[in-house]
Amino acid sequence: MSPTTATLPRPSSTWGRIWTWVMIIAAAVLIFISVVEIINSAFYDPYGDKHFLFTLGGILADVGIGKLTFLMFGSLAVLLMMGLPMAFVVGGLGVAFIYLVGGPTMINIIPTRIFPLMANPDLAAIPLFIFMASMLERAGLIEEMFDVVYKWMGGLRGGLAAATILASTILAAMVGVIGAAVVTMGIIALPAMLKRHYDHKIALGSIMAGGTLGILIPPSILAILYAVVAQQSVGQLYLGSVLPGLMLSGMYIGYVLLRSWINPSLGPALPKAERVDTLGKLKLLVNLIAPIFLVFLVLGLLFGGIATPVEAAGIGSFGAIIVAMMHRRFSLQALREASITTARASAMVLWIIFGASIFVGFFILQGGQTFITEGILSTGLSPYGILFLMMVMLVFLGMFLDWVGILLLTVPIFVPIIKSLTFDGFLGGPPVPGNVEVLWFGVLYLVNMQMSFLSPPFGYALFYLRGVCPPEISMATIFKSSLVFLAIQAIGLALCIVFPGIITWLPSLSFN
């Protein structure tokens, strides 16, 4: 290496310093503007023409909704790609555009957007279900559950991968949080499959596909948020998502078992010496009685109309503590850790809810709903063509945005469009009754979010699993392993569109 070359800085270091100074300058400019606007608000008449130095309030008042849409969502995309957290970006941009368009007087709409959400009782179910999941996880019940399913199905070709999916299905009914399911099963199930020389694509894909079932299978946190935003019944949405969730789980298991039956080297069965006889399998089930009873109790109270979602979540949280005590896994340390996890996760979700509500509420107030509705309807597509366009948009957004943000940015705009359309049946199939169109679309949305979690290059489940994978498994392998299961999810979504009864049958029984 020559002396000249040795003294040259690395490009990454140069760009890093440039980026740091850009951020410092941008922060200084924002602070300066904020100080000026605070002085204007404190010492000058916001309705008058006098101000200190300058004012930005109302400078976008004459901008049309088309340009405003580009500015709002363009700036949102830029800031998110810069790596800024959505919880702060979306709310901050909402407040900024309210001030830039309407001035100080329009700031008063912010409390009107937040207070109704704070008073919504269904949102109280979110921290309770998160606590229930955290408590069961710290009680070690997830490891016990996988061990039982592992011993029951390990004798089949591909049995460990199928057991992983089945355990993830049960786990989804206990947890309803995607990250926890993928990471936990990655820690527990992946080493067992790699030890048995399972094909990497089947092993990784089964973990990611099974882990994403928590979006769909009750008690899904995302379903609660959809019900709140779309003004639907949480219980009805849970009922509608049961059959699609079980259908997808069965399709995953069927694919794994079929591939392993055709090519046994992809998923070898457990050696006979490690298998458990029938009596041993029955004894293992004793470990699952308490947690499965708790799940059926919570969902039964909810589906039967005996308890509201909040009441069912409260019973589940208390029951999780009792189950942990029965398994001798309860401690004050576990209670403290579960409580901290619940507080952090709930704060993140609720902060995004409030921020996105401000952002989208202002956009709709400015005519954004009408603008996008007219734009989509003017394409001349059929109702199913418009639905397909929405599904593609959701998958694309899922590659870049948080699932809570996607819901709060799109559902308030998409639901009125769905209400204005009539779905008479796809290719001669059964129609969708008008009174359940929003419910039907809600479950389609949940299935779609599963696809977004598996969609390369930025699907969340891909990176959740990468964090617990051995170093020899590359990111490219994880990407490839998701594609087949992504195709299975697309088939499941198509079945729910062509045969809406998969979604509407159970809710219709409840309606009757």
Protein backbone atom coordinates (compact mmCIF):
# COMPACT_ATOMS: atom_id res chain seq x y z
CA MET A 1 0.00 0.00 0.00
CA SER A 2 1.44 3.36 -1.04
CA PRO A 3 1.61 6.30 1.37
CA THR A 4 -0.87 8.20 -0.79
CA THR A 5 -3.38 5.38 -0.69
CA ALA A 6 -2.94 4.96 3.04
CA THR A 7 -3.88 8.56 3.74
CA LEU A 8 -7.09 8.48 1.70
CA PRO A 9 -10.21 8.11 3.87
CA ARG A 10 -12.57 5.25 3.17
CA PRO A 11 -15.67 6.23 1.15
CA SER A 12 -17.96 4.86 3.83
CA SER A 13 -16.31 7.09 6.45
CA THR A 14 -16.55 10.12 4.17
CA TRP A 15 -20.20 9.56 3.42
CA GLY A 16 -20.85 8.90 7.09
CA ARG A 17 -19.39 12.25 8.08
CA ILE A 18 -21.30 14.01 5.31
CA TRP A 19 -24.54 12.39 6.42
CA THR A 20 -23.87 13.32 10.03
CA TRP A 21 -23.38 16.97 9.12
CA VAL A 22 -26.51 16.94 6.96
CA MET A 23 -28.52 15.65 9.92
CA ILE A 24 -26.95 18.23 12.27
CA ILE A 25 -27.74 21.09 9.88
CA ALA A 26 -31.29 19.82 9.33
CA ALA A 27 -31.86 19.56 13.09
CA ALA A 28 -30.52 23.09 13.61
CA VAL A 29 -32.83 24.46 10.90
CA LEU A 30 -35.83 22.71 12.43
CA ILE A 31 -34.98 24.02 15.89
CA PHE A 32 -34.62 27.55 14.52
CA ILE A 33 -37.95 27.37 12.69
CA SER A 34 -39.64 25.96 15.78
CA VAL A 35 -38.30 28.76 17.98
CA VAL A 36 -39.52 31.39 15.51
CA GLU A 37 -42.98 29.83 15.32
CA ILE A 38 -43.19 29.56 19.12
CA ILE A 39 -42.41 33.28 19.40
CA ASN A 40 -45.06 34.02 16.78
CA SER A 41 -47.64 32.00 18.70
CA ALA A 42 -46.72 33.50 22.09
CA PHE A 43 -46.27 37.18 21.27
CA TYR A 44 -48.03 37.84 17.96
CA ASP A 45 -51.62 37.60 16.82
CA PRO A 46 -52.01 34.37 14.85
CA TYR A 47 -54.90 35.96 12.93
CA GLY A 48 -52.95 39.11 12.04
CA ASP A 49 -50.33 39.97 9.46
CA LYS A 50 -47.48 40.76 11.86
CA HIS A 51 -44.99 38.11 12.84
CA PHE A 52 -41.45 37.67 14.09
CA LEU A 53 -38.98 37.26 11.19
CA PHE A 54 -41.26 34.90 9.22
CA THR A 55 -44.04 32.39 9.60
CA LEU A 56 -44.73 29.14 7.79
CA GLY A 57 -48.30 28.82 9.03
CA GLY A 58 -50.69 28.53 6.09
CA ILE A 59 -48.10 28.74 3.31
CA LEU A 60 -49.60 25.61 1.69
CA ALA A 61 -53.19 26.80 2.04
CA ASP A 62 -53.65 27.18 -1.73
CA VAL A 63 -52.03 23.87 -2.70
CA GLY A 64 -54.40 21.45 -4.44
CA ILE A 65 -55.14 18.00 -3.09
CA GLY A 66 -53.11 16.33 -5.86
CA LYS A 67 -49.91 18.17 -5.00
CA LEU A 68 -50.66 17.87 -1.28
CA THR A 69 -50.98 14.07 -1.65
CA PHE A 70 -47.59 13.95 -3.35
CA LEU A 71 -46.02 16.16 -0.68
CA MET A 72 -47.48 14.28 2.29
CA PHE A 73 -46.84 10.71 1.20
CA GLY A 74 -43.61 11.59 -0.61
CA SER A 75 -42.13 13.18 2.51
CA LEU A 76 -43.35 10.21 4.57
CA ALA A 77 -41.59 7.76 2.22
CA VAL A 78 -38.36 9.80 2.24
CA LEU A 79 -38.19 10.05 6.04
CA LEU A 80 -38.94 6.37 6.52
CA MET A 81 -36.25 5.39 4.01
CA MET A 82 -33.85 7.54 6.00
CA GLY A 83 -34.42 5.16 8.89
CA LEU A 84 -36.48 7.40 11.14
CA PRO A 85 -39.03 5.56 13.34
CA MET A 86 -42.58 5.59 12.02
CA ALA A 87 -44.04 6.21 15.46
CA PHE A 88 -42.62 9.74 15.36
CA VAL A 89 -42.48 10.44 11.63
CA VAL A 90 -46.14 9.94 10.79
CA GLY A 91 -47.46 12.01 13.71
CA GLY A 92 -44.82 14.71 13.26
CA LEU A 93 -45.62 15.06 9.56
CA GLY A 94 -49.32 15.21 10.36
CA VAL A 95 -48.83 18.10 12.77
CA ALA A 96 -46.42 19.85 10.37
CA PHE A 97 -48.81 19.71 7.40
CA ILE A 98 -51.74 20.80 9.55
CA TYR A 99 -49.75 23.91 10.47
CA LEU A 100 -48.43 24.52 6.95
CA VAL A 101 -51.89 24.27 5.41
CA GLY A 102 -54.18 25.71 8.06
CA GLY A 103 -51.95 27.73 10.35
CA PRO A 104 -52.22 27.85 14.16
CA THR A 105 -56.02 27.69 14.19
CA MET A 106 -56.16 24.29 12.52
CA ILE A 107 -53.93 22.75 15.21
CA ASN A 108 -57.13 22.45 17.27
CA ILE A 109 -58.21 19.42 15.22
CA ILE A 110 -55.43 17.31 16.76
CA PRO A 111 -57.24 16.63 20.07
CA THR A 112 -60.42 15.76 18.16
CA ARG A 113 -58.51 12.99 16.39
CA ILE A 114 -56.80 11.57 19.48
CA PHE A 115 -59.45 11.72 22.21
CA PRO A 116 -62.01 9.41 20.47
CA LEU A 117 -59.30 6.76 20.13
CA MET A 118 -58.31 7.15 23.77
CA ALA A 119 -61.92 6.57 24.75
CA ASN A 120 -62.36 3.48 22.55
CA PRO A 121 -62.72 0.50 24.90
CA ASP A 122 -61.62 -2.11 22.35
CA LEU A 123 -58.07 -0.75 22.33
CA ALA A 124 -57.69 -1.80 25.97
CA ALA A 125 -57.63 -5.42 24.76
CA ILE A 126 -54.26 -4.84 23.04
CA PRO A 127 -52.05 -4.53 26.16
CA LEU A 128 -53.99 -7.32 27.87
CA PHE A 129 -53.44 -9.80 25.02
CA ILE A 130 -49.79 -8.75 24.78
CA PHE A 131 -49.37 -9.40 28.52
CA MET A 132 -51.05 -12.79 28.16
CA ALA A 133 -48.59 -13.71 25.40
CA SER A 134 -45.58 -12.41 27.33
CA MET A 135 -46.56 -14.29 30.48
CA LEU A 136 -47.06 -17.59 28.64
CA GLU A 137 -43.74 -17.14 26.86
CA ARG A 138 -41.82 -16.54 30.09
CA ALA A 139 -43.54 -19.49 31.70
CA GLY A 140 -41.72 -21.76 29.23
CA LEU A 141 -44.97 -23.13 27.82
CA ILE A 142 -43.92 -22.57 24.22
CA GLU A 143 -40.95 -24.95 24.60
CA GLU A 144 -43.19 -27.55 26.21
CA MET A 145 -45.78 -27.19 23.46
CA PHE A 146 -43.22 -27.70 20.70
CA ASP A 147 -41.75 -30.69 22.53
CA VAL A 148 -45.18 -32.35 22.63
CA VAL A 149 -45.97 -31.71 18.96
CA TYR A 150 -42.39 -32.67 18.03
CA LYS A 151 -42.75 -36.07 19.72
CA TRP A 152 -46.18 -36.68 18.17
CA MET A 153 -45.24 -35.89 14.56
CA GLY A 154 -41.49 -36.55 14.47
CA GLY A 155 -42.00 -40.07 13.10
CA LEU A 156 -43.39 -38.70 9.82
CA ARG A 157 -41.26 -37.62 6.88
CA GLY A 158 -41.18 -33.86 7.20
CA GLY A 159 -42.76 -34.30 10.62
CA LEU A 160 -40.54 -31.74 12.37
CA ALA A 161 -41.43 -29.02 9.87
CA ALA A 162 -45.10 -29.97 10.09
CA ALA A 163 -44.82 -29.96 13.88
CA THR A 164 -43.29 -26.49 13.70
CA ILE A 165 -46.24 -25.21 11.69
CA LEU A 166 -48.77 -26.91 13.97
CA ALA A 167 -47.03 -25.56 17.07
CA SER A 168 -46.98 -22.11 15.48
CA THR A 169 -50.72 -22.40 14.86
CA ILE A 170 -51.34 -23.16 18.52
CA LEU A 171 -48.87 -20.44 19.46
CA ALA A 172 -50.77 -17.95 17.27
CA ALA A 173 -53.90 -18.62 19.33
CA MET A 174 -51.91 -17.87 22.48
CA VAL A 175 -49.76 -14.96 21.33
CA GLY A 176 -51.05 -13.03 18.33
CA VAL A 177 -47.69 -11.21 18.00
CA ILE A 178 -45.63 -12.00 14.88
CA GLY A 179 -42.11 -11.17 16.01
CA ALA A 180 -42.35 -13.29 19.14
CA ALA A 181 -43.66 -16.32 17.22
CA VAL A 182 -41.02 -16.27 14.47
CA VAL A 183 -38.10 -15.65 16.82
CA THR A 184 -39.24 -18.19 19.42
CA MET A 185 -39.83 -20.97 16.89
CA GLY A 186 -36.55 -20.06 15.19
CA ILE A 187 -34.70 -20.57 18.47
CA ILE A 188 -36.51 -23.80 19.38
CA ALA A 189 -37.38 -25.56 16.11
CA LEU A 190 -34.61 -24.56 13.70
CA PRO A 191 -31.73 -26.29 15.57
CA ALA A 192 -33.81 -29.49 15.79
CA MET A 193 -34.49 -29.51 12.04
CA LEU A 194 -30.92 -28.62 11.07
CA LYS A 195 -29.65 -31.40 13.34
CA ARG A 196 -31.85 -33.86 11.41
CA HIS A 197 -30.46 -32.53 8.10
CA TYR A 198 -33.68 -30.95 6.93
CA ASP A 199 -33.64 -28.98 3.70
CA HIS A 200 -32.91 -25.37 4.64
CA LYS A 201 -35.72 -23.96 2.52
CA ILE A 202 -38.36 -26.19 4.12
CA ALA A 203 -37.01 -25.59 7.63
CA LEU A 204 -36.80 -21.81 7.30
CA GLY A 205 -40.01 -21.45 5.29
CA SER A 206 -42.07 -23.48 7.76
CA ILE A 207 -40.91 -21.28 10.64
CA MET A 208 -41.68 -18.02 8.84
CA ALA A 209 -45.00 -19.15 7.37
CA GLY A 210 -46.17 -20.67 10.64
CA GLY A 211 -45.01 -17.67 12.63
CA THR A 212 -47.02 -15.22 10.52
CA LEU A 213 -50.28 -17.04 11.34
CA GLY A 214 -50.47 -14.83 14.44
CA ILE A 215 -51.67 -11.99 12.19
CA LEU A 216 -54.77 -13.97 11.24
CA ILE A 217 -55.68 -16.45 13.95
CA PRO A 218 -57.45 -14.96 17.02
CA PRO A 219 -56.51 -13.21 19.24
CA SER A 220 -54.75 -11.20 16.53
CA ILE A 221 -53.72 -7.69 17.62
CA LEU A 222 -54.00 -6.49 14.01
CA ALA A 223 -57.61 -7.69 13.84
CA ILE A 224 -58.47 -5.54 16.86
CA LEU A 225 -56.95 -2.48 15.19
CA TYR A 226 -58.79 -3.15 11.93
CA ALA A 227 -62.08 -3.53 13.79
CA VAL A 228 -61.50 -0.20 15.57
CA VAL A 229 -60.55 1.71 12.41
CA ALA A 230 -63.22 0.13 10.18
CA GLN A 231 -65.86 0.24 12.95
CA GLN A 232 -66.47 -3.51 12.85
CA SER A 233 -67.12 -6.06 15.57
CA VAL A 234 -63.91 -7.59 16.90
CA GLY A 235 -65.74 -10.84 17.63
CA GLN A 236 -67.15 -11.08 14.10
CA LEU A 237 -63.75 -10.39 12.59
CA TYR A 238 -62.20 -13.08 14.79
CA LEU A 239 -64.87 -15.54 13.65
CA GLY A 240 -64.22 -14.69 10.00
CA SER A 241 -60.49 -15.26 10.35
CA VAL A 242 -60.65 -18.70 11.99
CA LEU A 243 -61.27 -20.83 8.87
CA PRO A 244 -58.78 -18.95 6.63
CA GLY A 245 -56.14 -19.28 9.34
CA LEU A 246 -56.70 -23.03 9.74
CA MET A 247 -56.88 -23.44 5.95
CA LEU A 248 -53.49 -21.78 5.46
CA SER A 249 -51.98 -23.82 8.28
CA GLY A 250 -53.28 -27.01 6.66
CA MET A 251 -51.92 -25.94 3.26
CA TYR A 252 -48.47 -25.34 4.75
CA ILE A 253 -48.46 -28.72 6.49
CA GLY A 254 -49.76 -30.47 3.36
CA TYR A 255 -47.01 -28.96 1.23
CA VAL A 256 -44.25 -29.94 3.67
CA LEU A 257 -45.50 -33.52 4.07
CA LEU A 258 -46.01 -33.95 0.30
CA ARG A 259 -42.55 -32.67 -0.58
CA SER A 260 -40.94 -34.85 2.08
CA TRP A 261 -42.93 -37.90 0.95
CA ILE A 262 -41.76 -37.40 -2.64
CA ASN A 263 -38.16 -36.73 -1.58
CA PRO A 264 -37.44 -38.15 1.90
CA SER A 265 -34.03 -36.46 2.04
CA LEU A 266 -35.74 -33.06 2.35
CA GLY A 267 -37.29 -33.94 5.71
CA PRO A 268 -36.06 -37.18 7.29
CA ALA A 269 -38.20 -38.81 9.96
CA LEU A 270 -36.93 -39.28 13.49
CA PRO A 271 -35.00 -42.49 14.08
CA LYS A 272 -37.12 -45.19 15.71
CA ALA A 273 -34.95 -45.07 18.83
CA GLU A 274 -36.00 -41.44 19.45
CA ARG A 275 -39.72 -41.94 18.88
CA VAL A 276 -42.26 -42.10 21.70
CA ASP A 277 -44.89 -44.82 21.96
CA THR A 278 -48.61 -44.09 22.14
CA LEU A 279 -48.73 -44.15 25.94
CA GLY A 280 -45.82 -41.72 26.12
CA LYS A 281 -47.53 -39.38 23.65
CA LEU A 282 -50.69 -39.35 25.75
CA LYS A 283 -48.67 -38.53 28.87
CA LEU A 284 -47.07 -35.60 27.07
CA LEU A 285 -50.48 -34.07 26.40
CA VAL A 286 -50.89 -33.43 30.12
CA ASN A 287 -48.44 -30.53 29.78
CA LEU A 288 -50.72 -28.80 27.28
CA ILE A 289 -54.03 -29.15 29.08
CA ALA A 290 -53.81 -25.87 31.01
CA PRO A 291 -52.63 -23.53 28.22
CA ILE A 292 -55.00 -25.01 25.61
CA PHE A 293 -57.89 -24.78 28.05
CA LEU A 294 -57.00 -21.13 28.61
CA VAL A 295 -57.04 -20.43 24.85
CA PHE A 296 -60.40 -22.17 24.37
CA LEU A 297 -61.80 -20.35 27.40
CA VAL A 298 -60.79 -16.92 26.11
CA LEU A 299 -61.95 -17.52 22.54
CA GLY A 300 -65.08 -19.34 23.67
CA LEU A 301 -66.16 -16.44 25.87
CA LEU A 302 -65.46 -14.07 22.99
CA PHE A 303 -67.16 -16.05 20.22
CA GLY A 304 -70.10 -16.96 22.41
CA GLY A 305 -70.83 -13.30 23.12
CA ILE A 306 -70.42 -13.90 26.84
CA ALA A 307 -67.54 -11.46 27.19
CA THR A 308 -66.33 -8.42 25.29
CA PRO A 309 -62.82 -8.48 23.78
CA VAL A 310 -61.48 -6.49 26.72
CA GLU A 311 -63.10 -8.79 29.27
CA ALA A 312 -61.85 -11.89 27.44
CA ALA A 313 -58.35 -10.42 27.29
CA GLY A 314 -58.47 -9.64 31.00
CA ILE A 315 -59.49 -13.21 31.80
CA GLY A 316 -56.70 -14.45 29.54
CA SER A 317 -54.11 -12.29 31.29
CA PHE A 318 -55.16 -13.52 34.72
CA GLY A 319 -55.34 -17.09 33.40
CA ALA A 320 -51.79 -16.83 32.03
CA ILE A 321 -50.53 -16.06 35.53
CA ILE A 322 -52.46 -19.06 36.93
CA VAL A 323 -51.07 -21.35 34.19
CA ALA A 324 -47.53 -20.15 34.94
CA MET A 325 -48.10 -20.94 38.63
CA MET A 326 -49.43 -24.42 37.79
CA HIS A 327 -46.28 -25.13 35.79
CA ARG A 328 -44.14 -23.68 38.61
CA ARG A 329 -42.70 -21.04 36.28
CA PHE A 330 -44.18 -17.94 37.91
CA SER A 331 -41.92 -15.45 39.65
CA LEU A 332 -41.87 -11.74 40.37
CA GLN A 333 -39.03 -11.40 37.87
CA ALA A 334 -41.14 -13.03 35.14
CA LEU A 335 -44.08 -10.80 36.05
CA ARG A 336 -41.85 -7.72 35.90
CA GLU A 337 -40.37 -8.66 32.52
CA ALA A 338 -43.80 -9.42 31.05
CA SER A 339 -45.13 -6.10 32.30
CA ILE A 340 -42.20 -4.15 30.82
CA THR A 341 -42.58 -5.94 27.47
CA THR A 342 -46.29 -5.15 27.49
CA ALA A 343 -45.71 -1.48 28.27
CA ARG A 344 -43.13 -1.09 25.50
CA ALA A 345 -45.13 -2.90 22.83
CA SER A 346 -48.39 -1.17 23.75
CA ALA A 347 -46.76 2.27 23.79
CA MET A 348 -45.30 1.67 20.33
CA VAL A 349 -48.63 0.53 18.88
CA LEU A 350 -50.70 3.28 20.48
CA TRP A 351 -48.21 6.01 19.55
CA ILE A 352 -48.37 4.93 15.90
CA ILE A 353 -52.17 4.84 16.14
CA PHE A 354 -52.36 8.42 17.40
CA GLY A 355 -49.82 9.73 14.88
CA ALA A 356 -51.35 7.98 11.88
CA SER A 357 -54.81 9.10 12.96
CA ILE A 358 -53.64 12.73 12.83
CA PHE A 359 -51.91 12.25 9.47
CA VAL A 360 -54.72 10.37 7.72
CA GLY A 361 -57.49 12.38 9.41
CA PHE A 362 -56.06 15.64 8.09
CA PHE A 363 -55.56 14.13 4.62
CA ILE A 364 -59.20 13.01 4.51
CA LEU A 365 -60.35 16.40 5.83
CA GLN A 366 -58.56 18.09 2.91
CA GLY A 367 -60.42 15.90 0.41
CA GLY A 368 -57.86 13.13 0.09
CA GLN A 369 -60.48 10.39 0.44
CA THR A 370 -62.49 11.75 -2.49
CA PHE A 371 -59.32 12.30 -4.55
CA ILE A 372 -58.07 8.72 -4.17
CA THR A 373 -61.53 7.18 -4.54
CA GLU A 374 -62.15 9.04 -7.79
CA GLY A 375 -58.66 8.14 -8.99
CA ILE A 376 -59.16 4.41 -8.35
CA LEU A 377 -62.72 4.29 -9.71
CA SER A 378 -61.71 6.25 -12.82
CA THR A 379 -59.35 3.43 -13.84
CA GLY A 380 -62.37 1.62 -15.28
CA LEU A 381 -61.48 -1.60 -13.46
CA SER A 382 -64.17 -4.00 -12.26
CA PRO A 383 -64.77 -4.31 -8.51
CA TYR A 384 -62.51 -7.36 -8.43
CA GLY A 385 -59.89 -5.50 -10.46
CA ILE A 386 -59.96 -2.69 -7.91
CA LEU A 387 -59.68 -5.25 -5.10
CA PHE A 388 -56.66 -6.81 -6.83
CA LEU A 389 -55.07 -3.36 -7.15
CA MET A 390 -55.57 -2.80 -3.41
CA MET A 391 -54.04 -6.18 -2.57
CA VAL A 392 -50.95 -5.43 -4.69
CA MET A 393 -50.59 -2.02 -3.03
CA LEU A 394 -50.79 -3.60 0.42
CA VAL A 395 -48.13 -6.20 -0.39
CA PHE A 396 -45.86 -3.47 -1.76
CA LEU A 397 -46.35 -1.27 1.30
CA GLY A 398 -45.71 -4.27 3.53
CA MET A 399 -42.17 -4.48 2.17
CA PHE A 400 -41.35 -1.07 3.65
CA LEU A 401 -43.80 -0.06 6.39
CA ASP A 402 -44.81 -1.34 9.79
CA TRP A 403 -48.05 -3.35 9.81
CA VAL A 404 -49.76 -0.91 12.18
CA GLY A 405 -48.83 2.01 9.96
CA ILE A 406 -50.09 0.26 6.82
CA LEU A 407 -53.45 -0.34 8.45
CA LEU A 408 -53.90 3.20 9.68
CA LEU A 409 -52.74 4.74 6.41
CA THR A 410 -54.78 2.57 4.04
CA VAL A 411 -57.87 1.15 5.76
CA PRO A 412 -59.60 4.54 6.35
CA ILE A 413 -59.21 5.18 2.60
CA PHE A 414 -59.91 1.68 1.26
CA VAL A 415 -62.97 0.79 3.36
CA PRO A 416 -65.25 3.52 1.89
CA ILE A 417 -64.23 2.35 -1.60
CA ILE A 418 -65.10 -1.26 -0.72
CA LYS A 419 -68.50 -0.09 0.59
CA SER A 420 -69.22 1.64 -2.72
CA LEU A 421 -68.57 -1.51 -4.78
CA THR A 422 -70.69 -4.59 -5.40
CA PHE A 423 -69.00 -7.99 -5.53
CA ASP A 424 -71.32 -10.25 -7.50
CA GLY A 425 -68.98 -13.22 -7.59
CA PHE A 426 -65.62 -13.81 -9.25
CA LEU A 427 -65.86 -15.82 -12.50
CA GLY A 428 -69.35 -16.98 -11.66
CA GLY A 429 -68.57 -17.76 -8.04
CA PRO A 430 -70.77 -16.90 -5.07
CA PRO A 431 -71.34 -13.19 -4.36
CA VAL A 432 -70.35 -11.31 -1.24
CA PRO A 433 -73.39 -10.11 0.75
CA GLY A 434 -73.40 -6.33 1.11
CA ASN A 435 -73.68 -6.42 4.89
CA VAL A 436 -70.38 -8.32 5.29
CA GLU A 437 -68.24 -6.72 2.56
CA VAL A 438 -66.15 -4.74 5.05
CA LEU A 439 -65.73 -7.82 7.26
CA TRP A 440 -64.73 -9.90 4.21
CA PHE A 441 -62.23 -7.27 3.11
CA GLY A 442 -60.84 -7.14 6.66
CA VAL A 443 -59.91 -10.83 6.63
CA LEU A 444 -58.47 -10.45 3.11
CA TYR A 445 -56.39 -7.61 4.51
CA LEU A 446 -55.12 -9.84 7.35
CA VAL A 447 -54.15 -12.59 4.89
CA ASN A 448 -52.45 -9.96 2.76
CA MET A 449 -50.41 -8.75 5.71
CA GLN A 450 -49.10 -12.29 6.14
CA MET A 451 -47.83 -12.07 2.57
CA SER A 452 -46.17 -8.74 3.27
CA PHE A 453 -44.26 -10.25 6.20
CA LEU A 454 -42.77 -12.89 3.87
CA SER A 455 -42.20 -10.66 0.83
CA PRO A 456 -38.53 -10.08 -0.06
CA PRO A 457 -36.54 -7.93 0.20
CA PHE A 458 -37.88 -6.19 3.32
CA GLY A 459 -40.48 -8.55 4.83
CA TYR A 460 -40.27 -8.34 8.61
CA ALA A 461 -40.37 -12.11 9.18
CA LEU A 462 -37.26 -12.53 7.01
CA PHE A 463 -35.22 -10.33 9.31
CA TYR A 464 -36.78 -11.69 12.50
CA LEU A 465 -35.55 -15.15 11.48
CA ARG A 466 -32.17 -13.91 10.29
CA GLY A 467 -31.44 -12.71 13.80
CA VAL A 468 -31.56 -16.28 15.18
CA CYS A 469 -30.15 -18.21 12.21
CA PRO A 470 -26.66 -19.78 12.22
CA PRO A 471 -24.05 -17.71 10.34
CA GLU A 472 -23.78 -20.27 7.53
CA ILE A 473 -27.37 -19.58 6.41
CA SER A 474 -27.29 -16.59 4.09
CA MET A 475 -29.95 -13.95 3.61
CA ALA A 476 -30.38 -15.17 0.03
CA THR A 477 -31.35 -18.62 1.36
CA ILE A 478 -33.94 -17.06 3.65
CA PHE A 479 -35.34 -15.08 0.72
CA LYS A 480 -35.62 -18.20 -1.44
CA SER A 481 -37.22 -20.22 1.35
CA SER A 482 -40.05 -17.71 1.64
CA LEU A 483 -41.10 -17.79 -2.02
CA VAL A 484 -42.95 -21.14 -2.04
CA PHE A 485 -44.87 -20.31 1.13
CA LEU A 486 -45.58 -16.85 -0.27
CA ALA A 487 -47.15 -18.57 -3.28
CA ILE A 488 -49.24 -20.76 -0.94
CA GLN A 489 -50.46 -17.63 0.83
CA ALA A 490 -51.39 -16.11 -2.54
CA ILE A 491 -53.40 -19.25 -3.35
CA GLY A 492 -55.13 -19.02 0.03
CA LEU A 493 -55.94 -15.35 -0.59
CA ALA A 494 -57.37 -16.22 -4.02
CA LEU A 495 -59.54 -18.96 -2.48
CA CYS A 496 -60.94 -16.48 0.05
CA ILE A 497 -61.79 -14.09 -2.80
CA VAL A 498 -63.38 -16.71 -5.08
CA PHE A 499 -65.18 -18.48 -2.21
CA PRO A 500 -66.09 -15.71 0.29
CA GLY A 501 -67.97 -18.24 2.40
CA ILE A 502 -64.61 -19.36 3.82
CA ILE A 503 -64.65 -16.01 5.63
CA THR A 504 -68.36 -15.22 6.00
CA TRP A 505 -69.77 -18.61 7.02
CA LEU A 506 -68.97 -18.51 10.75
CA PRO A 507 -69.93 -14.83 11.15
CA SER A 508 -73.21 -15.53 9.32
CA LEU A 509 -74.05 -18.21 11.87
CA SER A 510 -73.42 -15.65 14.59
CA PHE A 511 -75.60 -13.07 12.79
CA ASN A 512 -78.45 -15.57 12.63
